[in-house]
Amino acid sequence: MSRRTGLATIAGLICAGAVAIIAVSAATEPEPQPTPPRVYSSCLAADTKPMPVGDDPCDGR
């Protein structure tokens, strides 16, 4: 094998290795967590005044 052929082979292997590393790192990226749903209260008292568990701050509204 000539020197030129050897260098071309080594360059090709380096490029193939780089592509493989990039492909593996792209495949192992963590998926973003979904945003939790927001719950909006129609009663201001529920958001501003501490209430015991089970108490209805809006009186059933």
PDB file of N, CA and C in Angstrom:
ATOM      1  N   MET A   1       0.855  -1.160   0.000  1.00  0.00           N
ATOM      2  CA  MET A   1       0.000   0.000   0.000  1.00  0.00           C
ATOM      3  C   MET A   1       0.911   1.236   0.000  1.00  0.00           C
ATOM      4  N   SER A   2       0.603   2.145  -0.877  1.00  0.00           N
ATOM      5  CA  SER A   2       1.419   3.356  -0.976  1.00  0.00           C
ATOM      6  C   SER A   2       1.087   4.321   0.165  1.00  0.00           C
ATOM      7  N   ARG A   3       1.929   5.288   0.346  1.00  0.00           N
ATOM      8  CA  ARG A   3       1.740   6.265   1.413  1.00  0.00           C
ATOM      9  C   ARG A   3       0.449   7.063   1.202  1.00  0.00           C
ATOM     10  N   ARG A   4       0.167   7.428  -0.040  1.00  0.00           N
ATOM     11  CA  ARG A   4      -1.034   8.204  -0.359  1.00  0.00           C
ATOM     12  C   ARG A   4      -2.289   7.385  -0.047  1.00  0.00           C
ATOM     13  N   THR A   5      -2.281   6.117  -0.403  1.00  0.00           N
ATOM     14  CA  THR A   5      -3.434   5.255  -0.138  1.00  0.00           C
ATOM     15  C   THR A   5      -3.627   5.081   1.369  1.00  0.00           C
ATOM     16  N   GLY A   6      -2.543   4.928   2.092  1.00  0.00           N
ATOM     17  CA  GLY A   6      -2.623   4.779   3.549  1.00  0.00           C
ATOM     18  C   GLY A   6      -3.199   6.017   4.211  1.00  0.00           C
ATOM     19  N   LEU A   7      -2.749   7.185   3.779  1.00  0.00           N
ATOM     20  CA  LEU A   7      -3.274   8.431   4.342  1.00  0.00           C
ATOM     21  C   LEU A   7      -4.760   8.607   4.015  1.00  0.00           C
ATOM     22  N   ALA A   8      -5.138   8.243   2.796  1.00  0.00           N
ATOM     23  CA  ALA A   8      -6.549   8.346   2.411  1.00  0.00           C
ATOM     24  C   ALA A   8      -7.400   7.391   3.249  1.00  0.00           C
ATOM     25  N   THR A   9      -6.880   6.207   3.513  1.00  0.00           N
ATOM     26  CA  THR A   9      -7.606   5.233   4.332  1.00  0.00           C
ATOM     27  C   THR A   9      -7.766   5.746   5.762  1.00  0.00           C
ATOM     28  N   ILE A  10      -6.698   6.278   6.331  1.00  0.00           N
ATOM     29  CA  ILE A  10      -6.757   6.810   7.695  1.00  0.00           C
ATOM     30  C   ILE A  10      -7.725   7.992   7.769  1.00  0.00           C
ATOM     31  N   ALA A  11      -7.676   8.880   6.780  1.00  0.00           N
ATOM     32  CA  ALA A  11      -8.589  10.029   6.759  1.00  0.00           C
ATOM     33  C   ALA A  11     -10.039   9.562   6.673  1.00  0.00           C
ATOM     34  N   GLY A  12     -10.288   8.553   5.860  1.00  0.00           N
ATOM     35  CA  GLY A  12     -11.645   8.012   5.738  1.00  0.00           C
ATOM     36  C   GLY A  12     -12.128   7.402   7.042  1.00  0.00           C
ATOM     37  N   LEU A  13     -11.245   6.682   7.734  1.00  0.00           N
ATOM     38  CA  LEU A  13     -11.623   6.079   9.013  1.00  0.00           C
ATOM     39  C   LEU A  13     -11.896   7.148  10.074  1.00  0.00           C
ATOM     40  N   ILE A  14     -11.106   8.204  10.065  1.00  0.00           N
ATOM     41  CA  ILE A  14     -11.332   9.295  11.019  1.00  0.00           C
ATOM     42  C   ILE A  14     -12.682   9.957  10.761  1.00  0.00           C
ATOM     43  N   CYS A  15     -13.000  10.199   9.500  1.00  0.00           N
ATOM     44  CA  CYS A  15     -14.294  10.816   9.155  1.00  0.00           C
ATOM     45  C   CYS A  15     -15.452   9.902   9.533  1.00  0.00           C
ATOM     46  N   ALA A  16     -15.310   8.612   9.256  1.00  0.00           N
ATOM     47  CA  ALA A  16     -16.367   7.658   9.599  1.00  0.00           C
ATOM     48  C   ALA A  16     -16.556   7.598  11.115  1.00  0.00           C
ATOM     49  N   GLY A  17     -15.455   7.636  11.859  1.00  0.00           N
ATOM     50  CA  GLY A  17     -15.553   7.636  13.317  1.00  0.00           C
ATOM     51  C   GLY A  17     -16.232   8.885  13.841  1.00  0.00           C
ATOM     52  N   ALA A  18     -15.906  10.030  13.254  1.00  0.00           N
ATOM     53  CA  ALA A  18     -16.530  11.285  13.680  1.00  0.00           C
ATOM     54  C   ALA A  18     -18.031  11.264  13.415  1.00  0.00           C
ATOM     55  N   VAL A  19     -18.422  10.753  12.265  1.00  0.00           N
ATOM     56  CA  VAL A  19     -19.850  10.659  11.933  1.00  0.00           C
ATOM     57  C   VAL A  19     -20.552   9.728  12.911  1.00  0.00           C
ATOM     58  N   ALA A  20     -19.919   8.611  13.252  1.00  0.00           N
ATOM     59  CA  ALA A  20     -20.524   7.667  14.197  1.00  0.00           C
ATOM     60  C   ALA A  20     -20.682   8.299  15.581  1.00  0.00           C
ATOM     61  N   ILE A  21     -19.685   9.044  16.028  1.00  0.00           N
ATOM     62  CA  ILE A  21     -19.763   9.694  17.344  1.00  0.00           C
ATOM     63  C   ILE A  21     -20.874  10.738  17.361  1.00  0.00           C
ATOM     64  N   ILE A  22     -20.985  11.515  16.301  1.00  0.00           N
ATOM     65  CA  ILE A  22     -22.044  12.529  16.222  1.00  0.00           C
ATOM     66  C   ILE A  22     -23.417  11.867  16.215  1.00  0.00           C
ATOM     67  N   ALA A  23     -23.557  10.768  15.479  1.00  0.00           N
ATOM     68  CA  ALA A  23     -24.847  10.074  15.411  1.00  0.00           C
ATOM     69  C   ALA A  23     -25.236   9.512  16.774  1.00  0.00           C
ATOM     70  N   VAL A  24     -24.289   8.950  17.493  1.00  0.00           N
ATOM     71  CA  VAL A  24     -24.589   8.383  18.811  1.00  0.00           C
ATOM     72  C   VAL A  24     -24.939   9.486  19.801  1.00  0.00           C
ATOM     73  N   SER A  25     -24.212  10.589  19.788  1.00  0.00           N
ATOM     74  CA  SER A  25     -24.505  11.673  20.729  1.00  0.00           C
ATOM     75  C   SER A  25     -25.850  12.321  20.425  1.00  0.00           C
ATOM     76  N   ALA A  26     -26.233  12.398  19.161  1.00  0.00           N
ATOM     77  CA  ALA A  26     -27.534  12.972  18.809  1.00  0.00           C
ATOM     78  C   ALA A  26     -28.662  12.040  19.226  1.00  0.00           C
ATOM     79  N   ALA A  27     -28.427  10.732  19.168  1.00  0.00           N
ATOM     80  CA  ALA A  27     -29.467   9.770  19.518  1.00  0.00           C
ATOM     81  C   ALA A  27     -29.665   9.676  21.023  1.00  0.00           C
ATOM     82  N   THR A  28     -28.672  10.044  21.820  1.00  0.00           N
ATOM     83  CA  THR A  28     -28.780   9.897  23.270  1.00  0.00           C
ATOM     84  C   THR A  28     -29.152  11.188  23.980  1.00  0.00           C
ATOM     85  N   GLU A  29     -29.554  12.235  23.252  1.00  0.00           N
ATOM     86  CA  GLU A  29     -29.983  13.474  23.904  1.00  0.00           C
ATOM     87  C   GLU A  29     -31.278  13.214  24.663  1.00  0.00           C
ATOM     88  N   PRO A  30     -31.385  13.720  25.883  1.00  0.00           N
ATOM     89  CA  PRO A  30     -32.620  13.514  26.640  1.00  0.00           C
ATOM     90  C   PRO A  30     -33.775  14.290  26.015  1.00  0.00           C
ATOM     91  N   GLU A  31     -34.945  13.682  26.078  1.00  0.00           N
ATOM     92  CA  GLU A  31     -36.136  14.341  25.545  1.00  0.00           C
ATOM     93  C   GLU A  31     -36.586  15.414  26.536  1.00  0.00           C
ATOM     94  N   PRO A  32     -37.019  16.568  26.051  1.00  0.00           N
ATOM     95  CA  PRO A  32     -37.481  17.606  26.975  1.00  0.00           C
ATOM     96  C   PRO A  32     -38.739  17.156  27.709  1.00  0.00           C
ATOM     97  N   GLN A  33     -38.831  17.526  28.964  1.00  0.00           N
ATOM     98  CA  GLN A  33     -39.998  17.171  29.765  1.00  0.00           C
ATOM     99  C   GLN A  33     -41.185  18.026  29.329  1.00  0.00           C
ATOM    100  N   PRO A  34     -42.373  17.430  29.244  1.00  0.00           N
ATOM    101  CA  PRO A  34     -43.546  18.229  28.873  1.00  0.00           C
ATOM    102  C   PRO A  34     -43.876  19.229  29.982  1.00  0.00           C
ATOM    103  N   THR A  35     -44.406  20.356  29.579  1.00  0.00           N
ATOM    104  CA  THR A  35     -44.786  21.386  30.538  1.00  0.00           C
ATOM    105  C   THR A  35     -46.027  20.928  31.291  1.00  0.00           C
ATOM    106  N   PRO A  36     -46.013  20.998  32.618  1.00  0.00           N
ATOM    107  CA  PRO A  36     -47.203  20.572  33.362  1.00  0.00           C
ATOM    108  C   PRO A  36     -48.376  21.502  33.064  1.00  0.00           C
ATOM    109  N   PRO A  37     -49.580  20.964  33.071  1.00  0.00           N
ATOM    110  CA  PRO A  37     -50.748  21.809  32.788  1.00  0.00           C
ATOM    111  C   PRO A  37     -50.932  22.847  33.894  1.00  0.00           C
ATOM    112  N   ARG A  38     -51.384  24.004  33.509  1.00  0.00           N
ATOM    113  CA  ARG A  38     -51.633  25.071  34.478  1.00  0.00           C
ATOM    114  C   ARG A  38     -53.089  25.022  34.914  1.00  0.00           C
ATOM    115  N   VAL A  39     -53.286  25.218  36.186  1.00  0.00           N
ATOM    116  CA  VAL A  39     -54.637  25.229  36.734  1.00  0.00           C
ATOM    117  C   VAL A  39     -54.929  26.646  37.197  1.00  0.00           C
ATOM    118  N   TYR A  40     -55.978  27.217  36.663  1.00  0.00           N
ATOM    119  CA  TYR A  40     -56.363  28.574  37.018  1.00  0.00           C
ATOM    120  C   TYR A  40     -57.595  28.531  37.910  1.00  0.00           C
ATOM    121  N   SER A  41     -57.562  29.341  38.935  1.00  0.00           N
ATOM    122  CA  SER A  41     -58.692  29.412  39.846  1.00  0.00           C
ATOM    123  C   SER A  41     -59.601  30.560  39.429  1.00  0.00           C
ATOM    124  N   SER A  42     -60.900  30.330  39.527  1.00  0.00           N
ATOM    125  CA  SER A  42     -61.844  31.402  39.229  1.00  0.00           C
ATOM    126  C   SER A  42     -62.169  32.192  40.491  1.00  0.00           C
ATOM    127  N   CYS A  43     -61.595  31.794  41.606  1.00  0.00           N
ATOM    128  CA  CYS A  43     -61.859  32.462  42.876  1.00  0.00           C
ATOM    129  C   CYS A  43     -60.554  33.032  43.408  1.00  0.00           C
ATOM    130  N   LEU A  44     -60.501  34.340  43.620  1.00  0.00           N
ATOM    131  CA  LEU A  44     -59.287  34.988  44.091  1.00  0.00           C
ATOM    132  C   LEU A  44     -58.902  34.506  45.488  1.00  0.00           C
ATOM    133  N   ALA A  45     -59.895  34.198  46.317  1.00  0.00           N
ATOM    134  CA  ALA A  45     -59.616  33.760  47.684  1.00  0.00           C
ATOM    135  C   ALA A  45     -58.787  32.476  47.693  1.00  0.00           C
ATOM    136  N   ALA A  46     -58.971  31.631  46.713  1.00  0.00           N
ATOM    137  CA  ALA A  46     -58.223  30.375  46.653  1.00  0.00           C
ATOM    138  C   ALA A  46     -56.746  30.634  46.432  1.00  0.00           C
ATOM    139  N   ASP A  47     -56.418  31.765  45.803  1.00  0.00           N
ATOM    140  CA  ASP A  47     -55.026  32.066  45.509  1.00  0.00           C
ATOM    141  C   ASP A  47     -54.363  32.948  46.569  1.00  0.00           C
ATOM    142  N   THR A  48     -55.155  33.618  47.409  1.00  0.00           N
ATOM    143  CA  THR A  48     -54.562  34.604  48.308  1.00  0.00           C
ATOM    144  C   THR A  48     -54.673  34.251  49.780  1.00  0.00           C
ATOM    145  N   LYS A  49     -55.643  33.465  50.168  1.00  0.00           N
ATOM    146  CA  LYS A  49     -55.876  33.199  51.574  1.00  0.00           C
ATOM    147  C   LYS A  49     -55.630  31.718  51.865  1.00  0.00           C
ATOM    148  N   PRO A  50     -54.812  31.384  52.869  1.00  0.00           N
ATOM    149  CA  PRO A  50     -54.613  29.966  53.185  1.00  0.00           C
ATOM    150  C   PRO A  50     -55.914  29.341  53.680  1.00  0.00           C
ATOM    151  N   MET A  51     -56.221  28.156  53.179  1.00  0.00           N
ATOM    152  CA  MET A  51     -57.458  27.472  53.544  1.00  0.00           C
ATOM    153  C   MET A  51     -57.129  26.055  53.988  1.00  0.00           C
ATOM    154  N   PRO A  52     -57.925  25.517  54.903  1.00  0.00           N
ATOM    155  CA  PRO A  52     -57.722  24.119  55.286  1.00  0.00           C
ATOM    156  C   PRO A  52     -58.019  23.196  54.106  1.00  0.00           C
ATOM    157  N   VAL A  53     -57.414  22.022  54.125  1.00  0.00           N
ATOM    158  CA  VAL A  53     -57.644  21.055  53.050  1.00  0.00           C
ATOM    159  C   VAL A  53     -59.118  20.668  53.054  1.00  0.00           C
ATOM    160  N   GLY A  54     -59.736  20.652  51.892  1.00  0.00           N
ATOM    161  CA  GLY A  54     -61.133  20.267  51.761  1.00  0.00           C
ATOM    162  C   GLY A  54     -62.098  21.434  51.889  1.00  0.00           C
ATOM    163  N   ASP A  55     -61.621  22.603  52.308  1.00  0.00           N
ATOM    164  CA  ASP A  55     -62.497  23.767  52.428  1.00  0.00           C
ATOM    165  C   ASP A  55     -62.671  24.382  51.051  1.00  0.00           C
ATOM    166  N   ASP A  56     -63.896  24.829  50.740  1.00  0.00           N
ATOM    167  CA  ASP A  56     -64.173  25.427  49.439  1.00  0.00           C
ATOM    168  C   ASP A  56     -64.137  26.944  49.586  1.00  0.00           C
ATOM    169  N   PRO A  57     -63.079  27.603  49.138  1.00  0.00           N
ATOM    170  CA  PRO A  57     -62.980  29.052  49.311  1.00  0.00           C
ATOM    171  C   PRO A  57     -63.989  29.834  48.490  1.00  0.00           C
ATOM    172  N   CYS A  58     -64.571  29.224  47.479  1.00  0.00           N
ATOM    173  CA  CYS A  58     -65.536  29.929  46.637  1.00  0.00           C
ATOM    174  C   CYS A  58     -66.965  29.594  47.025  1.00  0.00           C
ATOM    175  N   ASP A  59     -67.165  28.875  48.091  1.00  0.00           N
ATOM    176  CA  ASP A  59     -68.500  28.472  48.549  1.00  0.00           C
ATOM    177  C   ASP A  59     -69.298  27.795  47.452  1.00  0.00           C
ATOM    178  N   GLY A  60     -68.681  26.896  46.715  1.00  0.00           N
ATOM    179  CA  GLY A  60     -69.391  26.117  45.709  1.00  0.00           C
ATOM    180  C   GLY A  60     -69.554  26.799  44.378  1.00  0.00           C
ATOM    181  N   ARG A  61     -69.030  27.989  44.186  1.00  0.00           N
ATOM    182  CA  ARG A  61     -69.170  28.676  42.904  1.00  0.00           C
ATOM    183  C   ARG A  61     -68.285  28.040  41.880  1.00  0.00           C
TER     184      ARG A  61
END
